[in-house]
PDB file of N, CA and C in Angstrom:
ATOM      1  N   ARG A   1    -140.556 -55.509 269.418  1.00  0.00           N
ATOM      2  CA  ARG A   1    -140.897 -56.085 268.438  1.00  0.00           C
ATOM      3  C   ARG A   1    -140.181 -56.359 267.147  1.00  0.00           C
ATOM      4  N   ASP A   2    -140.205 -57.318 266.362  1.00  0.00           N
ATOM      5  CA  ASP A   2    -139.559 -57.294 264.934  1.00  0.00           C
ATOM      6  C   ASP A   2    -140.950 -56.271 264.137  1.00  0.00           C
ATOM      7  N   GLU A   3    -141.693 -56.187 264.310  1.00  0.00           N
ATOM      8  CA  GLU A   3    -142.637 -54.987 263.590  1.00  0.00           C
ATOM      9  C   GLU A   3    -141.778 -53.734 263.809  1.00  0.00           C
ATOM     10  N   ASP A   4    -141.412 -53.181 265.063  1.00  0.00           N
ATOM     11  CA  ASP A   4    -140.898 -52.344 265.097  1.00  0.00           C
ATOM     12  C   ASP A   4    -139.381 -51.640 264.595  1.00  0.00           C
ATOM     13  N   PHE A   5    -139.069 -52.864 264.164  1.00  0.00           N
ATOM     14  CA  PHE A   5    -137.985 -52.255 263.633  1.00  0.00           C
ATOM     15  C   PHE A   5    -137.557 -51.869 261.699  1.00  0.00           C
ATOM     16  N   ASP A   6    -137.076 -50.835 261.818  1.00  0.00           N
ATOM     17  CA  ASP A   6    -137.026 -49.700 260.688  1.00  0.00           C
ATOM     18  C   ASP A   6    -135.936 -50.281 259.978  1.00  0.00           C
ATOM     19  N   THR A   7    -136.036 -51.042 258.848  1.00  0.00           N
ATOM     20  CA  THR A   7    -134.919 -51.655 258.129  1.00  0.00           C
ATOM     21  C   THR A   7    -134.762 -51.095 256.936  1.00  0.00           C
ATOM     22  N   SER A   8    -135.178 -49.543 257.557  1.00  0.00           N
ATOM     23  CA  SER A   8    -134.328 -48.678 255.681  1.00  0.00           C
ATOM     24  C   SER A   8    -133.104 -48.351 255.359  1.00  0.00           C
ATOM     25  N   TYR A   9    -132.798 -48.230 254.547  1.00  0.00           N
ATOM     26  CA  TYR A   9    -131.168 -47.899 254.062  1.00  0.00           C
ATOM     27  C   TYR A   9    -130.527 -47.058 255.625  1.00  0.00           C
ATOM     28  N   GLU A  10    -131.474 -45.906 255.851  1.00  0.00           N
ATOM     29  CA  GLU A  10    -131.003 -44.902 256.663  1.00  0.00           C
ATOM     30  C   GLU A  10    -131.052 -45.297 258.071  1.00  0.00           C
ATOM     31  N   SER A  11    -131.627 -46.172 258.100  1.00  0.00           N
ATOM     32  CA  SER A  11    -131.979 -46.600 260.446  1.00  0.00           C
ATOM     33  C   SER A  11    -130.871 -47.899 260.175  1.00  0.00           C
ATOM     34  N   LEU A  12    -130.984 -48.504 259.018  1.00  0.00           N
ATOM     35  CA  LEU A  12    -129.536 -49.775 259.088  1.00  0.00           C
ATOM     36  C   LEU A  12    -128.472 -48.728 258.781  1.00  0.00           C
ATOM     37  N   LEU A  13    -127.731 -48.083 258.500  1.00  0.00           N
ATOM     38  CA  LEU A  13    -126.767 -46.992 258.673  1.00  0.00           C
ATOM     39  C   LEU A  13    -126.331 -46.470 260.016  1.00  0.00           C
ATOM     40  N   SER A  14    -127.792 -45.650 260.482  1.00  0.00           N
ATOM     41  CA  SER A  14    -127.479 -45.106 261.560  1.00  0.00           C
ATOM     42  C   SER A  14    -127.313 -45.941 262.546  1.00  0.00           C
ATOM     43  N   LEU A  15    -128.146 -47.093 262.661  1.00  0.00           N
ATOM     44  CA  LEU A  15    -127.294 -48.251 263.461  1.00  0.00           C
ATOM     45  C   LEU A  15    -126.212 -48.942 263.745  1.00  0.00           C
ATOM     46  N   ALA A  16    -125.661 -48.882 262.608  1.00  0.00           N
ATOM     47  CA  ALA A  16    -124.036 -49.394 262.448  1.00  0.00           C
ATOM     48  C   ALA A  16    -123.089 -48.039 262.686  1.00  0.00           C
ATOM     49  N   ALA A  17    -124.060 -46.924 262.558  1.00  0.00           N
ATOM     50  CA  ALA A  17    -122.911 -45.810 263.086  1.00  0.00           C
ATOM     51  C   ALA A  17    -123.113 -45.692 264.977  1.00  0.00           C
ATOM     52  N   THR A  18    -123.787 -46.285 265.617  1.00  0.00           N
ATOM     53  CA  THR A  18    -124.093 -46.614 266.110  1.00  0.00           C
ATOM     54  C   THR A  18    -123.317 -47.436 266.968  1.00  0.00           C
ATOM     55  N   ILE A  19    -123.174 -48.622 266.272  1.00  0.00           N
ATOM     56  CA  ILE A  19    -122.974 -49.886 266.813  1.00  0.00           C
ATOM     57  C   ILE A  19    -121.174 -50.601 266.942  1.00  0.00           C
ATOM     58  N   GLY A  20    -121.246 -49.543 265.715  1.00  0.00           N
ATOM     59  CA  GLY A  20    -119.902 -50.041 265.037  1.00  0.00           C
ATOM     60  C   GLY A  20    -119.912 -51.308 263.877  1.00  0.00           C
ATOM     61  N   GLU A  21    -118.917 -51.317 263.711  1.00  0.00           N
ATOM     62  CA  GLU A  21    -118.270 -52.431 262.672  1.00  0.00           C
ATOM     63  C   GLU A  21    -118.565 -53.767 263.220  1.00  0.00           C
ATOM     64  N   VAL A  22    -119.537 -54.948 263.046  1.00  0.00           N
ATOM     65  CA  VAL A  22    -120.114 -56.092 264.082  1.00  0.00           C
ATOM     66  C   VAL A  22    -119.153 -57.083 262.736  1.00  0.00           C
ATOM     67  N   ARG A  23    -118.419 -58.259 263.959  1.00  0.00           N
ATOM     68  CA  ARG A  23    -117.317 -59.203 263.062  1.00  0.00           C
ATOM     69  C   ARG A  23    -118.207 -60.301 263.837  1.00  0.00           C
ATOM     70  N   PRO A  24    -117.790 -61.069 262.801  1.00  0.00           N
ATOM     71  CA  PRO A  24    -118.301 -62.315 263.790  1.00  0.00           C
ATOM     72  C   PRO A  24    -116.916 -63.196 264.512  1.00  0.00           C
ATOM     73  N   ARG A  25    -116.905 -63.696 265.575  1.00  0.00           N
ATOM     74  CA  ARG A  25    -115.976 -64.196 266.474  1.00  0.00           C
ATOM     75  C   ARG A  25    -115.183 -64.910 266.189  1.00  0.00           C
ATOM     76  N   HIS A  26    -114.104 -65.351 266.185  1.00  0.00           N
ATOM     77  CA  HIS A  26    -113.374 -66.440 265.718  1.00  0.00           C
ATOM     78  C   HIS A  26    -112.043 -66.704 266.455  1.00  0.00           C
ATOM     79  N   THR A  27    -111.796 -68.018 266.480  1.00  0.00           N
ATOM     80  CA  THR A  27    -110.442 -68.364 266.946  1.00  0.00           C
ATOM     81  C   THR A  27    -109.384 -67.795 266.881  1.00  0.00           C
ATOM     82  N   PRO A  28    -108.677 -67.192 267.714  1.00  0.00           N
ATOM     83  CA  PRO A  28    -107.216 -66.591 267.713  1.00  0.00           C
ATOM     84  C   PRO A  28    -106.571 -67.226 267.075  1.00  0.00           C
ATOM     85  N   ASP A  29    -105.061 -66.897 265.966  1.00  0.00           N
ATOM     86  CA  ASP A  29    -103.916 -67.652 265.870  1.00  0.00           C
ATOM     87  C   ASP A  29    -103.759 -67.871 267.040  1.00  0.00           C
ATOM     88  N   HIS A  30    -103.310 -67.649 267.887  1.00  0.00           N
ATOM     89  CA  HIS A  30    -102.413 -67.767 269.069  1.00  0.00           C
ATOM     90  C   HIS A  30    -103.159 -69.789 269.506  1.00  0.00           C
ATOM     91  N   VAL A  31    -104.439 -69.330 269.818  1.00  0.00           N
ATOM     92  CA  VAL A  31    -104.852 -70.566 270.204  1.00  0.00           C
ATOM     93  C   VAL A  31    -104.962 -71.608 268.856  1.00  0.00           C
ATOM     94  N   ILE A  32    -104.846 -71.288 267.938  1.00  0.00           N
ATOM     95  CA  ILE A  32    -104.754 -72.658 266.800  1.00  0.00           C
ATOM     96  C   ILE A  32    -103.572 -72.896 266.673  1.00  0.00           C
ATOM     97  N   ASP A  33    -102.622 -72.208 266.329  1.00  0.00           N
ATOM     98  CA  ASP A  33    -101.671 -72.457 266.600  1.00  0.00           C
ATOM     99  C   ASP A  33    -100.935 -73.545 267.943  1.00  0.00           C
ATOM    100  N   SER A  34    -101.517 -73.166 268.747  1.00  0.00           N
ATOM    101  CA  SER A  34    -101.180 -74.465 270.481  1.00  0.00           C
ATOM    102  C   SER A  34    -101.869 -75.285 270.171  1.00  0.00           C
ATOM    103  N   LEU A  35    -102.336 -75.636 269.070  1.00  0.00           N
ATOM    104  CA  LEU A  35    -103.731 -77.104 268.946  1.00  0.00           C
ATOM    105  C   LEU A  35    -102.648 -78.519 268.931  1.00  0.00           C
ATOM    106  N   PRO A  36    -102.820 -79.680 269.151  1.00  0.00           N
ATOM    107  CA  PRO A  36    -101.783 -80.891 268.747  1.00  0.00           C
ATOM    108  C   PRO A  36    -101.529 -80.760 267.185  1.00  0.00           C
ATOM    109  N   THR A  37    -100.583 -80.859 266.907  1.00  0.00           N
ATOM    110  CA  THR A  37    -100.070 -81.080 265.192  1.00  0.00           C
ATOM    111  C   THR A  37     -99.378 -82.177 265.234  1.00  0.00           C
ATOM    112  N   SER A  38     -99.478 -82.678 263.853  1.00  0.00           N
ATOM    113  CA  SER A  38     -98.399 -83.823 263.684  1.00  0.00           C
ATOM    114  C   SER A  38     -98.992 -84.524 261.812  1.00  0.00           C
ATOM    115  N   THR A  39     -98.152 -85.537 261.464  1.00  0.00           N
ATOM    116  CA  THR A  39     -98.583 -85.481 260.360  1.00  0.00           C
ATOM    117  C   THR A  39     -99.204 -87.119 259.955  1.00  0.00           C
ATOM    118  N   PHE A  40    -100.409 -87.167 259.641  1.00  0.00           N
ATOM    119  CA  PHE A  40    -100.501 -88.461 259.196  1.00  0.00           C
ATOM    120  C   PHE A  40     -99.868 -89.782 259.520  1.00  0.00           C
ATOM    121  N   LYS A  41     -98.971 -89.709 259.252  1.00  0.00           N
ATOM    122  CA  LYS A  41     -97.768 -91.104 258.999  1.00  0.00           C
ATOM    123  C   LYS A  41     -97.699 -91.157 260.294  1.00  0.00           C
ATOM    124  N   GLU A  42     -97.462 -90.493 261.228  1.00  0.00           N
ATOM    125  CA  GLU A  42     -97.151 -90.648 262.794  1.00  0.00           C
ATOM    126  C   GLU A  42     -97.942 -91.030 263.736  1.00  0.00           C
ATOM    127  N   TRP A  43     -99.020 -89.876 263.574  1.00  0.00           N
ATOM    128  CA  TRP A  43    -100.342 -90.784 264.301  1.00  0.00           C
ATOM    129  C   TRP A  43    -101.365 -92.224 263.993  1.00  0.00           C
ATOM    130  N   ARG A  44    -101.706 -92.147 263.067  1.00  0.00           N
ATOM    131  CA  ARG A  44    -102.109 -93.269 262.047  1.00  0.00           C
ATOM    132  C   ARG A  44    -102.052 -94.326 262.692  1.00  0.00           C
ATOM    133  N   ASN A  45    -103.513 -95.662 263.208  1.00  0.00           N
ATOM    134  CA  ASN A  45    -103.210 -96.830 263.409  1.00  0.00           C
ATOM    135  C   ASN A  45    -104.316 -97.313 262.718  1.00  0.00           C
ATOM    136  N   ALA A  46    -104.500 -98.505 263.199  1.00  0.00           N
ATOM    137  CA  ALA A  46    -105.676 -99.607 262.665  1.00  0.00           C
ATOM    138  C   ALA A  46    -107.157 -98.691 262.638  1.00  0.00           C
ATOM    139  N   GLU A  47    -107.264 -97.963 263.642  1.00  0.00           N
ATOM    140  CA  GLU A  47    -108.852 -97.552 263.922  1.00  0.00           C
ATOM    141  C   GLU A  47    -108.613 -96.395 262.917  1.00  0.00           C
ATOM    142  N   SER A  48    -107.942 -95.806 262.416  1.00  0.00           N
ATOM    143  CA  SER A  48    -107.663 -94.026 262.173  1.00  0.00           C
ATOM    144  C   SER A  48    -108.923 -93.524 261.252  1.00  0.00           C
ATOM    145  N   ASP A  49    -108.802 -92.604 261.112  1.00  0.00           N
ATOM    146  CA  ASP A  49    -109.925 -92.022 260.041  1.00  0.00           C
ATOM    147  C   ASP A  49    -109.281 -92.280 258.788  1.00  0.00           C
ATOM    148  N   GLN A  50    -109.202 -93.038 257.501  1.00  0.00           N
ATOM    149  CA  GLN A  50    -108.606 -91.827 256.469  1.00  0.00           C
ATOM    150  C   GLN A  50    -109.394 -91.234 255.478  1.00  0.00           C
ATOM    151  N   ARG A  51    -109.762 -90.291 255.917  1.00  0.00           N
ATOM    152  CA  ARG A  51    -109.994 -88.963 255.207  1.00  0.00           C
ATOM    153  C   ARG A  51    -110.585 -87.702 256.335  1.00  0.00           C
ATOM    154  N   CYS A  52    -110.216 -86.894 255.721  1.00  0.00           N
ATOM    155  CA  CYS A  52    -110.369 -85.386 256.469  1.00  0.00           C
ATOM    156  C   CYS A  52    -111.928 -84.803 257.133  1.00  0.00           C
ATOM    157  N   PRO A  53    -112.593 -84.767 257.900  1.00  0.00           N
ATOM    158  CA  PRO A  53    -113.738 -84.460 257.857  1.00  0.00           C
ATOM    159  C   PRO A  53    -114.634 -83.899 257.306  1.00  0.00           C
ATOM    160  N   ILE A  54    -113.713 -82.715 256.855  1.00  0.00           N
ATOM    161  CA  ILE A  54    -114.046 -80.721 256.745  1.00  0.00           C
ATOM    162  C   ILE A  54    -113.745 -81.411 254.763  1.00  0.00           C
ATOM    163  N   CYS A  55    -113.296 -81.484 254.640  1.00  0.00           N
ATOM    164  CA  CYS A  55    -113.079 -81.476 253.130  1.00  0.00           C
ATOM    165  C   CYS A  55    -112.987 -82.824 252.196  1.00  0.00           C
ATOM    166  N   LEU A  56    -113.134 -84.231 252.954  1.00  0.00           N
ATOM    167  CA  LEU A  56    -113.318 -85.521 252.589  1.00  0.00           C
ATOM    168  C   LEU A  56    -112.526 -85.910 251.700  1.00  0.00           C
ATOM    169  N   ASP A  57    -111.047 -85.386 251.647  1.00  0.00           N
ATOM    170  CA  ASP A  57    -110.140 -86.100 250.750  1.00  0.00           C
ATOM    171  C   ASP A  57    -109.180 -86.922 252.107  1.00  0.00           C
ATOM    172  N   ASP A  58    -108.775 -87.956 251.308  1.00  0.00           N
ATOM    173  CA  ASP A  58    -108.181 -88.961 251.538  1.00  0.00           C
ATOM    174  C   ASP A  58    -106.938 -88.356 252.478  1.00  0.00           C
ATOM    175  N   TYR A  59    -106.254 -88.935 253.037  1.00  0.00           N
ATOM    176  CA  TYR A  59    -104.796 -88.149 254.242  1.00  0.00           C
ATOM    177  C   TYR A  59    -104.047 -88.952 253.167  1.00  0.00           C
ATOM    178  N   GLN A  60    -103.117 -88.019 252.877  1.00  0.00           N
ATOM    179  CA  GLN A  60    -101.334 -88.509 251.849  1.00  0.00           C
ATOM    180  C   GLN A  60    -100.600 -88.634 253.639  1.00  0.00           C
ATOM    181  N   GLU A  61     -99.183 -89.656 253.411  1.00  0.00           N
ATOM    182  CA  GLU A  61     -98.383 -89.716 254.594  1.00  0.00           C
ATOM    183  C   GLU A  61     -98.164 -88.878 255.209  1.00  0.00           C
ATOM    184  N   ASP A  62     -97.502 -87.585 254.939  1.00  0.00           N
ATOM    185  CA  ASP A  62     -96.622 -86.389 255.252  1.00  0.00           C
ATOM    186  C   ASP A  62     -97.637 -85.036 255.385  1.00  0.00           C
ATOM    187  N   ASP A  63     -99.165 -85.645 255.415  1.00  0.00           N
ATOM    188  CA  ASP A  63    -100.342 -84.438 255.488  1.00  0.00           C
ATOM    189  C   ASP A  63    -100.286 -83.686 256.330  1.00  0.00           C
ATOM    190  N   PRO A  64     -99.492 -82.488 257.132  1.00  0.00           N
ATOM    191  CA  PRO A  64    -100.148 -81.933 258.257  1.00  0.00           C
ATOM    192  C   PRO A  64    -101.397 -82.325 258.976  1.00  0.00           C
ATOM    193  N   VAL A  65    -101.410 -82.563 259.826  1.00  0.00           N
ATOM    194  CA  VAL A  65    -103.353 -83.213 260.814  1.00  0.00           C
ATOM    195  C   VAL A  65    -103.153 -81.987 261.964  1.00  0.00           C
ATOM    196  N   MET A  66    -103.980 -82.079 262.373  1.00  0.00           N
ATOM    197  CA  MET A  66    -103.775 -80.798 263.633  1.00  0.00           C
ATOM    198  C   MET A  66    -105.373 -81.869 264.646  1.00  0.00           C
ATOM    199  N   LYS A  67    -105.434 -81.569 266.020  1.00  0.00           N
ATOM    200  CA  LYS A  67    -106.303 -82.035 266.359  1.00  0.00           C
ATOM    201  C   LYS A  67    -106.993 -81.005 267.624  1.00  0.00           C
ATOM    202  N   LEU A  68    -108.351 -81.308 267.488  1.00  0.00           N
ATOM    203  CA  LEU A  68    -109.083 -80.174 268.836  1.00  0.00           C
ATOM    204  C   LEU A  68    -108.698 -80.847 270.217  1.00  0.00           C
ATOM    205  N   SER A  69    -108.737 -79.949 270.992  1.00  0.00           N
ATOM    206  CA  SER A  69    -108.417 -81.067 272.252  1.00  0.00           C
ATOM    207  C   SER A  69    -109.738 -82.199 272.666  1.00  0.00           C
ATOM    208  N   ASP A  70    -110.874 -81.595 272.538  1.00  0.00           N
ATOM    209  CA  ASP A  70    -112.231 -82.751 272.807  1.00  0.00           C
ATOM    210  C   ASP A  70    -112.428 -83.134 271.720  1.00  0.00           C
ATOM    211  N   CYS A  71    -111.813 -83.378 270.636  1.00  0.00           N
ATOM    212  CA  CYS A  71    -112.564 -84.075 269.528  1.00  0.00           C
ATOM    213  C   CYS A  71    -111.369 -85.434 269.034  1.00  0.00           C
ATOM    214  N   PRO A  72    -112.191 -86.337 269.041  1.00  0.00           N
ATOM    215  CA  PRO A  72    -110.768 -87.857 268.627  1.00  0.00           C
ATOM    216  C   PRO A  72    -110.800 -87.507 266.805  1.00  0.00           C
ATOM    217  N   HIS A  73    -111.079 -86.733 266.169  1.00  0.00           N
ATOM    218  CA  HIS A  73    -110.321 -86.628 264.891  1.00  0.00           C
ATOM    219  C   HIS A  73    -109.667 -85.335 264.554  1.00  0.00           C
ATOM    220  N   TRP A  74    -108.808 -85.969 263.939  1.00  0.00           N
ATOM    221  CA  TRP A  74    -107.701 -85.636 263.280  1.00  0.00           C
ATOM    222  C   TRP A  74    -108.089 -84.390 262.296  1.00  0.00           C
ATOM    223  N   LEU A  75    -107.382 -84.153 261.872  1.00  0.00           N
ATOM    224  CA  LEU A  75    -108.184 -82.923 260.386  1.00  0.00           C
ATOM    225  C   LEU A  75    -107.124 -82.251 259.519  1.00  0.00           C
ATOM    226  N   HIS A  76    -107.307 -82.236 258.867  1.00  0.00           N
ATOM    227  CA  HIS A  76    -105.881 -81.182 257.264  1.00  0.00           C
ATOM    228  C   HIS A  76    -106.014 -79.851 258.251  1.00  0.00           C
ATOM    229  N   LYS A  77    -104.575 -80.390 258.729  1.00  0.00           N
ATOM    230  CA  LYS A  77    -104.395 -79.142 259.211  1.00  0.00           C
ATOM    231  C   LYS A  77    -105.045 -77.345 258.532  1.00  0.00           C
ATOM    232  N   GLY A  78    -104.341 -77.355 257.710  1.00  0.00           N
ATOM    233  CA  GLY A  78    -105.529 -76.279 256.585  1.00  0.00           C
ATOM    234  C   GLY A  78    -106.608 -76.193 256.554  1.00  0.00           C
ATOM    235  N   CYS A  79    -107.339 -77.045 256.418  1.00  0.00           N
ATOM    236  CA  CYS A  79    -109.001 -77.001 256.495  1.00  0.00           C
ATOM    237  C   CYS A  79    -109.028 -76.506 258.050  1.00  0.00           C
ATOM    238  N   LEU A  80    -108.807 -77.182 259.081  1.00  0.00           N
ATOM    239  CA  LEU A  80    -109.106 -76.707 260.381  1.00  0.00           C
ATOM    240  C   LEU A  80    -108.794 -75.391 260.800  1.00  0.00           C
ATOM    241  N   ARG A  81    -107.510 -74.969 260.597  1.00  0.00           N
ATOM    242  CA  ARG A  81    -107.470 -72.940 260.416  1.00  0.00           C
ATOM    243  C   ARG A  81    -108.217 -72.703 259.455  1.00  0.00           C
ATOM    244  N   VAL A  82    -108.636 -73.056 258.293  1.00  0.00           N
ATOM    245  CA  VAL A  82    -109.556 -71.902 257.862  1.00  0.00           C
ATOM    246  C   VAL A  82    -110.946 -71.868 258.517  1.00  0.00           C
ATOM    247  N   ARG A  83    -111.139 -73.164 258.943  1.00  0.00           N
ATOM    248  CA  ARG A  83    -112.697 -72.865 259.203  1.00  0.00           C
ATOM    249  C   ARG A  83    -112.358 -72.623 260.231  1.00  0.00           C
ATOM    250  N   LEU A  84    -111.749 -72.519 261.587  1.00  0.00           N
ATOM    251  CA  LEU A  84    -111.899 -71.817 262.513  1.00  0.00           C
ATOM    252  C   LEU A  84    -111.271 -70.527 263.017  1.00  0.00           C
ATOM    253  N   GLN A  85    -111.026 -69.948 261.977  1.00  0.00           N
ATOM    254  CA  GLN A  85    -110.566 -68.341 261.568  1.00  0.00           C
ATOM    255  C   GLN A  85    -111.959 -67.242 260.756  1.00  0.00           C
ATOM    256  N   SER A  86    -112.830 -68.478 260.605  1.00  0.00           N
ATOM    257  CA  SER A  86    -113.868 -67.673 259.147  1.00  0.00           C
ATOM    258  C   SER A  86    -115.049 -67.879 260.007  1.00  0.00           C
ATOM    259  N   ALA A  87    -115.223 -68.930 260.976  1.00  0.00           N
ATOM    260  CA  ALA A  87    -116.342 -69.759 261.449  1.00  0.00           C
ATOM    261  C   ALA A  87    -116.539 -68.855 262.467  1.00  0.00           C
ATOM    262  N   ARG A  88    -118.216 -69.050 262.919  1.00  0.00           N
ATOM    263  CA  ARG A  88    -118.182 -68.383 264.171  1.00  0.00           C
ATOM    264  C   ARG A  88    -118.067 -69.737 265.474  1.00  0.00           C
ATOM    265  N   ILE A  89    -117.252 -69.864 265.602  1.00  0.00           N
ATOM    266  CA  ILE A  89    -116.226 -70.674 266.449  1.00  0.00           C
ATOM    267  C   ILE A  89    -115.432 -70.027 267.294  1.00  0.00           C
ATOM    268  N   LEU A  90    -115.724 -70.158 268.674  1.00  0.00           N
ATOM    269  CA  LEU A  90    -114.648 -69.523 269.393  1.00  0.00           C
ATOM    270  C   LEU A  90    -114.070 -71.003 270.394  1.00  0.00           C
ATOM    271  N   ILE A  91    -113.064 -70.978 270.121  1.00  0.00           N
ATOM    272  CA  ILE A  91    -112.512 -72.024 271.019  1.00  0.00           C
ATOM    273  C   ILE A  91    -110.975 -71.200 271.949  1.00  0.00           C
ATOM    274  N   VAL A  92    -111.547 -71.632 273.229  1.00  0.00           N
ATOM    275  CA  VAL A  92    -110.343 -70.733 274.035  1.00  0.00           C
ATOM    276  C   VAL A  92    -109.358 -71.797 274.814  1.00  0.00           C
TER     277      VAL A  92
END
C-alpha cells in the first residue's frame, strides 16, 4: 500500500543501497547501428514526408536518415539515435 511506503530521505537511501542504481532501459548502440540508414535524396519519392517527425525540421538532400523496422517513416539519423538512447524505449 502507498500509505506504508516511507518516503523519508533515510528510507530512500536504504532502498537505493538495497536495489542499486536504477537506470532506464534504452536501445543498445549495436541495435541502433543495425537500423536501415540512407540519405534523404536516396529514398525520397513523391509520397515521402518532407520533415523529420521528431525535430520537425525539413529534410535537406544530404541529410542522413534512419528507419525503424516496423515504422513507415524515416527520421533524421541523429534525432532517432538520441531518442532511442535516452528514452525508455527498448528495440531488440
